[in-house]
Each structure stands twice: as structure tokens, then as C-alpha cells.
Protein backbone atom coordinates (compact mmCIF):
# COMPACT_ATOMS: atom_id res chain seq x y z
CA MET A 1 114.96 115.87 99.91
CA SER A 2 114.27 117.05 96.36
CA GLU A 3 116.87 118.16 93.85
CA ALA A 4 115.70 121.74 94.44
CA ALA A 5 116.77 121.56 98.08
CA ASN A 6 118.34 124.76 99.38
CA ASP A 7 116.93 126.82 96.48
CA THR A 8 114.51 129.40 97.84
CA ILE A 9 111.03 128.81 96.53
CA ARG A 10 108.32 131.44 96.37
CA VAL A 11 104.77 130.76 97.43
CA VAL A 12 101.99 133.31 96.99
CA VAL A 13 98.94 133.27 99.24
CA CYS A 14 95.81 135.10 98.12
CA VAL A 15 94.44 137.47 100.76
CA ASN A 16 91.88 139.18 98.53
CA MET A 17 88.88 140.81 100.23
CA MET A 18 86.76 141.15 97.09
CA ARG A 19 84.04 138.56 96.80
CA GLY A 20 83.86 136.43 93.70
CA PRO A 21 80.70 135.82 91.66
CA ARG A 22 79.31 133.47 94.30
CA GLY A 23 80.12 135.71 97.25
CA LYS A 24 83.26 133.85 98.39
CA CYS A 25 86.74 135.29 98.77
CA CYS A 26 90.02 134.06 100.20
CA GLU A 27 90.21 136.71 102.93
CA LEU A 28 86.77 135.91 104.32
CA SER A 29 87.65 132.20 104.20
CA GLY A 30 90.67 132.59 106.49
CA SER A 31 93.61 133.18 104.17
CA PRO A 32 95.30 135.88 106.31
CA GLU A 33 95.48 133.44 109.23
CA ILE A 34 96.82 130.72 106.94
CA ALA A 35 99.47 133.12 105.57
CA ASP A 36 100.44 134.12 109.14
CA ALA A 37 100.80 130.47 110.17
CA LEU A 38 102.85 129.61 107.06
CA GLU A 39 105.16 132.59 107.62
CA LYS A 40 105.64 131.60 111.26
CA GLY A 41 106.28 127.95 110.36
CA VAL A 42 108.79 128.89 107.66
CA ARG A 43 110.68 131.06 110.18
CA GLU A 44 110.58 128.43 112.93
CA ARG A 45 111.82 125.68 110.63
CA SER A 46 114.32 127.97 108.83
CA LEU A 47 112.96 126.88 105.46
CA ALA A 48 114.26 128.22 102.15
CA VAL A 49 110.80 129.51 101.27
CA ARG A 50 109.50 133.01 100.76
CA ILE A 51 105.80 133.52 101.47
CA GLU A 52 104.22 136.45 99.65
CA ARG A 53 100.70 137.78 99.98
CA ILE A 54 98.91 138.56 96.74
CA VAL A 55 95.65 140.37 96.03
CA CYS A 56 94.08 137.78 93.73
CA LEU A 57 94.83 134.49 92.01
CA GLY A 58 91.53 134.54 90.11
CA LYS A 59 90.12 131.47 91.85
CA CYS A 60 87.86 133.11 94.46
CA ASN A 61 85.33 130.30 94.59
CA ASP A 62 88.05 127.74 95.36
CA GLY A 63 89.77 129.70 98.14
CA PRO A 64 91.69 130.08 100.22
CA ASN A 65 94.34 129.56 97.57
CA LEU A 66 98.09 129.51 97.29
CA ARG A 67 100.40 128.93 94.38
CA PHE A 68 103.96 127.80 94.04
CA VAL A 69 105.35 130.55 91.78
CA GLY A 70 105.73 129.01 88.34
CA GLY A 71 103.89 125.90 89.45
CA GLU A 72 100.75 124.40 90.84
CA PHE A 73 97.95 125.69 93.03
CA ARG A 74 96.64 124.49 96.37
CA GLN A 75 92.97 125.32 96.85
CA ASN A 76 90.23 125.17 99.49
CA LEU A 77 92.86 125.47 102.21
CA SER A 78 92.26 125.60 105.94
CA MET A 79 94.44 125.93 109.02
CA ASP A 80 94.47 122.13 109.15
CA ASP A 81 96.52 122.13 105.92
CA VAL A 82 99.37 124.25 107.34
CA PRO A 83 101.49 121.40 108.83
CA THR A 84 101.26 119.39 105.59
CA LEU A 85 102.16 122.45 103.52
CA LEU A 86 105.17 123.18 105.73
CA ASP A 87 106.33 119.58 105.33
CA GLU A 88 105.96 119.93 101.55
CA PHE A 89 107.91 123.21 101.59
CA GLU A 90 110.70 121.53 103.54
CA GLU A 91 110.82 118.61 101.11
CA ARG A 92 110.92 120.92 98.10
CA ALA A 93 113.32 123.60 99.32
CA GLY A 94 115.07 122.32 102.43
CA LYS A 95 116.53 124.48 105.15
CA ASN A 96 117.81 127.99 104.71
CA ASP A 97 121.56 127.86 105.31
CA ALA A 98 121.89 131.66 105.50
CA GLY A 99 121.25 131.67 109.24
CA ALA A 100 123.40 128.65 110.07
CA MET A 101 125.95 129.06 112.83
CA LEU A 102 129.60 128.94 111.86
CA TYR A 103 130.47 126.81 114.89
CA PRO A 104 128.61 125.55 117.94
CA GLY A 105 128.09 128.22 120.54
CA ALA A 106 128.55 131.12 118.13
């Protein structure tokens, strides 16, 4: 696990519907479904990650796109990338301890 484990990280996923100069946009390329799957995976794994939807990251022709807030982009995403992204989120941020049980059976 990374040194940032247990620090909530923010990830923004572009869900823009406006087509870029070449007629491509994240929304039409499947970004809402990717965002849904990431949100579901984060909940199921109890990851210390907050997924946010954003209107535009300015990289329409390379979408679907996401960005680690304050960090790097992931571009040309598909649903096939979701498991790998969730693994990366877990490595970077770890589990969210806020929902941990105080004792077994609680």
C-alpha cells in the first residue's frame, strides 16, 4: 500500500455531452457508465476515494477521461479499464475506515 493509504483521494470523471472539434465527447463514448461502475466499485470495496463527475477536462478527443485531482490523467477509457482503476485506487488510498465495525457482530 502507498504512503497515502487511508487518505481520501478525489478522482474526477468527465461526463461532458458537448462534442469536441472532431465530434467526440466523453459522454457519447461511455463515461457515465464508467463513472457509475467506479462509484459502485468504490462503495463495494469501501475505498477511501471520492468520485466526482465534471463537465469537461478539455480533452474531448481523448475521452473518456478521468483525472486524479492534482495529478495525472487517464484517457481513452472503457469499461474494461474499471477493474484496473479500482485496483489502482485501492493501492493509492486504501480502505475507508469510517465504516469499520467497532467489534465483530456490531
